[in-house]
Every structure is written in C-alpha cells, then in structure tokens.
N, C-alpha and C. Protein backbone atom coordinates (compact mmCIF):
# COMPACT_ATOMS: atom_id res chain seq x y z
N MET A 1 63.23 -35.23 37.82
CA MET A 1 62.98 -35.24 39.27
C MET A 1 63.14 -33.82 39.79
N ALA A 2 62.30 -33.44 40.69
CA ALA A 2 62.35 -32.11 41.28
C ALA A 2 63.34 -32.07 42.44
N THR A 3 63.68 -30.87 42.81
CA THR A 3 64.55 -30.72 43.99
C THR A 3 63.72 -30.77 45.27
N THR A 4 64.41 -31.05 46.35
CA THR A 4 63.80 -31.18 47.68
C THR A 4 64.32 -30.04 48.56
N ASP A 5 63.40 -29.33 49.22
CA ASP A 5 63.81 -28.30 50.16
C ASP A 5 64.29 -28.96 51.44
N LEU A 6 65.51 -28.65 51.84
CA LEU A 6 66.07 -29.22 53.06
C LEU A 6 66.08 -28.18 54.16
N THR A 7 65.82 -28.68 55.36
CA THR A 7 65.78 -27.86 56.57
C THR A 7 66.58 -28.58 57.66
N ALA A 8 66.74 -27.93 58.78
CA ALA A 8 67.42 -28.57 59.91
C ALA A 8 66.69 -29.84 60.34
N GLU A 9 65.37 -29.86 60.15
CA GLU A 9 64.56 -31.00 60.57
C GLU A 9 64.72 -32.22 59.68
N ASN A 10 64.93 -32.05 58.34
CA ASN A 10 64.98 -33.21 57.47
C ASN A 10 66.35 -33.47 56.88
N PHE A 11 67.31 -32.59 57.12
CA PHE A 11 68.64 -32.69 56.49
C PHE A 11 69.30 -34.04 56.75
N GLU A 12 69.44 -34.40 58.00
CA GLU A 12 70.18 -35.62 58.34
C GLU A 12 69.50 -36.87 57.78
N THR A 13 68.19 -36.91 57.87
CA THR A 13 67.45 -38.06 57.35
C THR A 13 67.65 -38.22 55.84
N ILE A 14 67.53 -37.13 55.11
CA ILE A 14 67.69 -37.17 53.67
C ILE A 14 69.10 -37.63 53.30
N VAL A 15 70.09 -37.06 53.96
CA VAL A 15 71.49 -37.41 53.64
C VAL A 15 71.79 -38.86 53.99
N LYS A 16 71.33 -39.34 55.11
CA LYS A 16 71.65 -40.70 55.54
C LYS A 16 70.84 -41.78 54.83
N ASP A 17 69.60 -41.46 54.40
CA ASP A 17 68.72 -42.47 53.83
C ASP A 17 68.79 -42.62 52.33
N ASN A 18 69.73 -41.90 51.69
CA ASN A 18 69.83 -41.95 50.20
C ASN A 18 71.26 -42.22 49.79
N GLU A 19 71.41 -42.93 48.71
CA GLU A 19 72.73 -43.32 48.19
C GLU A 19 73.58 -42.09 47.81
N VAL A 20 73.00 -41.19 47.00
CA VAL A 20 73.72 -40.00 46.55
C VAL A 20 72.82 -38.79 46.76
N VAL A 21 73.37 -37.78 47.43
CA VAL A 21 72.61 -36.56 47.69
C VAL A 21 73.50 -35.38 47.29
N LEU A 22 72.96 -34.51 46.48
CA LEU A 22 73.66 -33.29 46.09
C LEU A 22 72.87 -32.09 46.61
N ILE A 23 73.54 -31.20 47.28
CA ILE A 23 72.84 -30.08 47.96
C ILE A 23 73.40 -28.73 47.47
N ASP A 24 72.47 -27.84 47.16
CA ASP A 24 72.75 -26.48 46.74
C ASP A 24 72.37 -25.55 47.88
N PHE A 25 73.34 -24.86 48.46
CA PHE A 25 73.09 -23.85 49.49
C PHE A 25 72.99 -22.49 48.76
N TRP A 26 71.89 -21.81 48.94
CA TRP A 26 71.61 -20.60 48.17
C TRP A 26 70.87 -19.59 49.00
N ALA A 27 70.64 -18.39 48.41
CA ALA A 27 69.78 -17.36 49.00
C ALA A 27 69.17 -16.58 47.85
N ASP A 28 67.99 -16.03 48.09
CA ASP A 28 67.25 -15.33 47.08
C ASP A 28 67.96 -14.07 46.58
N TRP A 29 68.75 -13.44 47.41
CA TRP A 29 69.44 -12.18 47.02
C TRP A 29 70.73 -12.43 46.27
N CYS A 30 71.13 -13.68 46.13
CA CYS A 30 72.43 -14.07 45.55
C CYS A 30 72.32 -14.26 44.02
N ALA A 31 72.93 -13.35 43.27
CA ALA A 31 72.86 -13.41 41.81
C ALA A 31 73.51 -14.69 41.23
N PRO A 32 74.68 -15.11 41.70
CA PRO A 32 75.25 -16.37 41.22
C PRO A 32 74.33 -17.58 41.53
N CYS A 33 73.66 -17.54 42.67
CA CYS A 33 72.74 -18.60 43.04
C CYS A 33 71.59 -18.70 42.02
N LYS A 34 71.11 -17.52 41.60
CA LYS A 34 70.00 -17.51 40.64
C LYS A 34 70.47 -18.02 39.28
N ARG A 35 71.73 -17.80 38.93
CA ARG A 35 72.25 -18.34 37.66
C ARG A 35 72.45 -19.85 37.76
N PHE A 36 72.80 -20.35 38.93
CA PHE A 36 73.07 -21.76 39.10
C PHE A 36 71.76 -22.58 39.25
N SER A 37 70.72 -21.98 39.78
CA SER A 37 69.48 -22.70 40.07
C SER A 37 68.93 -23.48 38.88
N PRO A 38 68.81 -22.91 37.67
CA PRO A 38 68.28 -23.71 36.56
C PRO A 38 69.21 -24.85 36.13
N ILE A 39 70.54 -24.64 36.32
CA ILE A 39 71.48 -25.70 36.00
C ILE A 39 71.25 -26.89 36.93
N PHE A 40 71.07 -26.59 38.21
CA PHE A 40 70.83 -27.62 39.24
C PHE A 40 69.49 -28.31 38.98
N GLU A 41 68.47 -27.56 38.64
CA GLU A 41 67.14 -28.12 38.35
C GLU A 41 67.18 -29.04 37.13
N GLU A 42 67.88 -28.60 36.07
CA GLU A 42 67.98 -29.43 34.86
C GLU A 42 68.72 -30.74 35.14
N ALA A 43 69.76 -30.68 35.94
CA ALA A 43 70.52 -31.88 36.29
C ALA A 43 69.64 -32.86 37.06
N SER A 44 68.73 -32.33 37.89
CA SER A 44 67.86 -33.23 38.65
C SER A 44 66.97 -34.06 37.73
N GLY A 45 66.69 -33.53 36.55
CA GLY A 45 65.89 -34.28 35.55
C GLY A 45 66.69 -35.36 34.84
N ARG A 46 68.01 -35.21 34.83
CA ARG A 46 68.89 -36.18 34.16
C ARG A 46 69.38 -37.30 35.07
N HIS A 47 69.24 -37.13 36.36
CA HIS A 47 69.79 -38.09 37.34
C HIS A 47 68.70 -38.49 38.33
N ASP A 48 67.84 -39.41 37.90
CA ASP A 48 66.72 -39.84 38.73
C ASP A 48 67.17 -40.57 39.99
N ASP A 49 68.40 -41.08 40.01
CA ASP A 49 68.89 -41.85 41.13
C ASP A 49 69.61 -41.01 42.17
N VAL A 50 69.57 -39.70 42.01
CA VAL A 50 70.23 -38.76 42.94
C VAL A 50 69.17 -37.87 43.57
N VAL A 51 69.29 -37.63 44.86
CA VAL A 51 68.43 -36.65 45.54
C VAL A 51 69.10 -35.29 45.43
N PHE A 52 68.38 -34.33 44.86
CA PHE A 52 68.84 -32.97 44.72
C PHE A 52 68.13 -32.13 45.77
N GLY A 53 68.91 -31.64 46.73
CA GLY A 53 68.36 -30.83 47.81
C GLY A 53 68.80 -29.40 47.72
N LYS A 54 67.94 -28.51 48.20
CA LYS A 54 68.29 -27.10 48.24
C LYS A 54 68.09 -26.57 49.68
N VAL A 55 69.06 -25.81 50.13
CA VAL A 55 68.98 -25.19 51.47
C VAL A 55 68.99 -23.69 51.27
N ASP A 56 67.90 -23.03 51.63
CA ASP A 56 67.83 -21.57 51.62
C ASP A 56 68.53 -21.10 52.87
N THR A 57 69.71 -20.52 52.70
CA THR A 57 70.53 -20.12 53.84
C THR A 57 69.91 -19.02 54.67
N GLU A 58 68.94 -18.31 54.12
CA GLU A 58 68.22 -17.29 54.90
C GLU A 58 67.19 -17.91 55.81
N ASP A 59 66.50 -18.96 55.31
CA ASP A 59 65.47 -19.64 56.11
C ASP A 59 66.10 -20.67 57.08
N ALA A 60 67.27 -21.19 56.74
CA ALA A 60 67.89 -22.23 57.53
C ALA A 60 69.26 -21.76 58.02
N ARG A 61 69.26 -20.61 58.68
CA ARG A 61 70.51 -20.01 59.15
C ARG A 61 71.29 -20.92 60.09
N ASP A 62 70.58 -21.59 61.02
CA ASP A 62 71.26 -22.47 61.96
C ASP A 62 71.95 -23.63 61.25
N LEU A 63 71.26 -24.21 60.26
CA LEU A 63 71.84 -25.30 59.48
C LEU A 63 73.04 -24.83 58.70
N ALA A 64 72.93 -23.69 58.03
CA ALA A 64 74.04 -23.16 57.27
C ALA A 64 75.24 -22.85 58.18
N ALA A 65 74.96 -22.34 59.35
CA ALA A 65 76.03 -22.03 60.32
C ALA A 65 76.68 -23.33 60.81
N ALA A 66 75.88 -24.33 61.10
CA ALA A 66 76.40 -25.62 61.58
C ALA A 66 77.31 -26.27 60.53
N LEU A 67 76.99 -26.06 59.27
CA LEU A 67 77.77 -26.65 58.18
C LEU A 67 78.86 -25.70 57.67
N GLU A 68 79.00 -24.59 58.39
CA GLU A 68 80.06 -23.60 58.10
C GLU A 68 79.99 -23.07 56.67
N ILE A 69 78.80 -22.78 56.18
CA ILE A 69 78.63 -22.22 54.87
C ILE A 69 78.99 -20.72 54.95
N GLN A 70 80.01 -20.33 54.20
CA GLN A 70 80.45 -18.96 54.24
C GLN A 70 80.27 -18.23 52.93
N SER A 71 80.17 -18.96 51.83
CA SER A 71 79.94 -18.40 50.51
C SER A 71 78.83 -19.19 49.82
N ILE A 72 78.07 -18.49 49.02
CA ILE A 72 77.03 -19.19 48.25
C ILE A 72 77.10 -18.76 46.79
N PRO A 73 76.72 -19.62 45.89
CA PRO A 73 76.26 -20.97 46.17
C PRO A 73 77.40 -21.88 46.63
N THR A 74 77.08 -22.78 47.52
CA THR A 74 77.99 -23.88 47.91
C THR A 74 77.29 -25.16 47.56
N ILE A 75 78.05 -26.07 46.94
CA ILE A 75 77.54 -27.37 46.57
C ILE A 75 78.19 -28.43 47.47
N MET A 76 77.37 -29.29 48.03
CA MET A 76 77.88 -30.41 48.81
C MET A 76 77.35 -31.71 48.18
N GLY A 77 78.23 -32.71 48.13
CA GLY A 77 77.84 -34.03 47.62
C GLY A 77 78.07 -35.07 48.71
N PHE A 78 77.08 -35.92 48.93
CA PHE A 78 77.16 -36.99 49.90
C PHE A 78 76.96 -38.34 49.23
N ARG A 79 77.70 -39.34 49.71
CA ARG A 79 77.54 -40.71 49.24
C ARG A 79 77.37 -41.58 50.46
N LYS A 80 76.25 -42.25 50.58
CA LYS A 80 75.90 -43.09 51.74
C LYS A 80 76.12 -42.33 53.04
N GLY A 81 75.70 -41.08 53.09
CA GLY A 81 75.77 -40.29 54.31
C GLY A 81 77.12 -39.65 54.59
N ASN A 82 78.10 -39.84 53.72
CA ASN A 82 79.42 -39.32 53.89
C ASN A 82 79.65 -38.11 52.94
N LEU A 83 80.12 -37.03 53.49
CA LEU A 83 80.45 -35.86 52.67
C LEU A 83 81.66 -36.20 51.81
N VAL A 84 81.51 -36.11 50.49
CA VAL A 84 82.60 -36.46 49.57
C VAL A 84 82.98 -35.27 48.68
N PHE A 85 82.18 -34.21 48.70
CA PHE A 85 82.46 -33.05 47.86
C PHE A 85 81.89 -31.82 48.52
N ARG A 86 82.64 -30.72 48.46
CA ARG A 86 82.17 -29.44 48.96
C ARG A 86 82.93 -28.35 48.19
N GLN A 87 82.17 -27.43 47.58
CA GLN A 87 82.81 -26.35 46.83
C GLN A 87 81.86 -25.17 46.77
N ALA A 88 82.42 -23.99 46.97
CA ALA A 88 81.66 -22.77 46.77
C ALA A 88 81.85 -22.35 45.32
N GLY A 89 80.79 -21.78 44.74
CA GLY A 89 80.87 -21.28 43.36
C GLY A 89 80.00 -22.04 42.39
N LEU A 90 79.91 -21.46 41.23
CA LEU A 90 79.08 -22.03 40.15
C LEU A 90 79.74 -23.21 39.48
N LEU A 91 78.93 -24.12 39.00
CA LEU A 91 79.35 -25.20 38.12
C LEU A 91 78.50 -25.13 36.89
N SER A 92 79.06 -25.50 35.74
CA SER A 92 78.27 -25.60 34.51
C SER A 92 77.50 -26.92 34.57
N GLY A 93 76.57 -27.07 33.66
CA GLY A 93 75.83 -28.33 33.59
C GLY A 93 76.74 -29.52 33.35
N LYS A 94 77.73 -29.33 32.49
CA LYS A 94 78.68 -30.43 32.16
C LYS A 94 79.53 -30.74 33.38
N GLN A 95 79.98 -29.72 34.11
CA GLN A 95 80.77 -29.96 35.32
C GLN A 95 79.93 -30.66 36.40
N LEU A 96 78.66 -30.26 36.51
CA LEU A 96 77.78 -30.87 37.50
C LEU A 96 77.53 -32.34 37.17
N ASP A 97 77.29 -32.63 35.90
CA ASP A 97 77.09 -34.04 35.48
C ASP A 97 78.34 -34.86 35.76
N SER A 98 79.50 -34.29 35.47
CA SER A 98 80.76 -35.00 35.75
C SER A 98 80.94 -35.28 37.23
N LEU A 99 80.62 -34.27 38.02
CA LEU A 99 80.72 -34.43 39.50
C LEU A 99 79.80 -35.57 39.98
N ILE A 100 78.59 -35.56 39.49
CA ILE A 100 77.62 -36.58 39.89
C ILE A 100 78.14 -37.98 39.52
N GLU A 101 78.68 -38.13 38.33
CA GLU A 101 79.19 -39.44 37.91
C GLU A 101 80.37 -39.86 38.80
N GLN A 102 81.23 -38.92 39.13
CA GLN A 102 82.37 -39.23 39.99
C GLN A 102 81.92 -39.67 41.37
N ILE A 103 80.89 -39.01 41.92
CA ILE A 103 80.37 -39.40 43.22
C ILE A 103 79.78 -40.80 43.16
N LYS A 104 79.05 -41.09 42.09
CA LYS A 104 78.44 -42.41 41.94
C LYS A 104 79.48 -43.50 41.86
N GLU A 105 80.62 -43.20 41.21
CA GLU A 105 81.65 -44.21 41.01
C GLU A 105 82.58 -44.42 42.20
N LEU A 106 82.49 -43.56 43.20
CA LEU A 106 83.35 -43.70 44.38
C LEU A 106 83.13 -45.03 45.07
N ASP A 107 84.23 -45.64 45.48
CA ASP A 107 84.13 -46.83 46.34
C ASP A 107 84.09 -46.34 47.77
N ILE A 108 82.93 -45.92 48.18
CA ILE A 108 82.76 -45.25 49.47
C ILE A 108 83.10 -46.17 50.63
N ASP A 109 82.80 -47.44 50.51
CA ASP A 109 83.13 -48.38 51.58
C ASP A 109 84.64 -48.45 51.83
N ALA A 110 85.42 -48.47 50.75
CA ALA A 110 86.87 -48.51 50.90
C ALA A 110 87.37 -47.18 51.51
N LEU A 111 86.78 -46.03 51.10
CA LEU A 111 87.19 -44.77 51.66
C LEU A 111 86.87 -44.68 53.16
N VAL A 112 85.71 -45.19 53.55
CA VAL A 112 85.35 -45.18 54.96
C VAL A 112 86.31 -46.06 55.76
N GLU A 113 86.64 -47.23 55.22
CA GLU A 113 87.56 -48.12 55.93
C GLU A 113 88.95 -47.45 56.06
N GLU A 114 89.39 -46.81 55.02
CA GLU A 114 90.70 -46.10 55.07
C GLU A 114 90.67 -45.01 56.09
N ALA A 115 89.55 -44.26 56.16
CA ALA A 115 89.44 -43.19 57.16
C ALA A 115 89.49 -43.70 58.57
N LYS A 116 88.92 -44.88 58.78
CA LYS A 116 88.93 -45.48 60.12
C LYS A 116 90.35 -45.83 60.57
N LYS A 117 91.20 -46.19 59.61
CA LYS A 117 92.58 -46.55 59.92
C LYS A 117 93.39 -45.34 60.33
N ASN A 118 93.02 -44.18 59.83
CA ASN A 118 93.83 -42.97 60.11
C ASN A 118 93.40 -42.29 61.34
C-alpha cells in the first residue's frame, strides 16, 4: 500500500475515518527524514490495514504548528481517531512493525472510557 499525502484539508477526515493511521511528519531538507522515508514506505506494504500518511511540514506549516511539531521526523499513531503514540526521531523497520502491532492490539474503547472518568 502506498502512503497518503496529508494536508490541513484532509487530515481530520483521514484520522477519524480509519481504524489505524500512522503519520510521518517530514521535510525535504531533513536528512533523518530521508533515511526514515523508505522504512515507512516498506512498512506500508506490510500492513494493508493501516493508513500511512505523510505530512510535509514545509507545505503544511499551519497543520504542523497546530499539532505542535517541533522536531522531525515525528511519528504519530492514531486508533479510531485517538492519538495513541507520538515520538520524534527515527524508528527501525522492526520498531515500526512492533509499534503498529501494539496500536492494533490496544483496547481503545476501554482507554477512551477511562479517560472520560478522569
């Protein structure tokens, strides 16, 4: 599966309308981003049930600012529209696969209910 370019216009819809969404915030001038890009692309081929989105922080400055992206690459993971992971820095293919499996296994409904209580 290929990655999807995310913008301010489609970000919310993509995140809310899909079970699992993984997003890579990047920029063309960022050397670590260029090293991570093929790892992210390869993972998208292994996980057909996950939407892999990319946000070019240069083209989508307002979106990056709204999400308080301060370092790139930053990876965000969403489950049923809920942010469940956020980390700046590179991940290996093995780490990325592990992260995806952990996100899939989350009992998000229980977590949302617990958050409502607090």
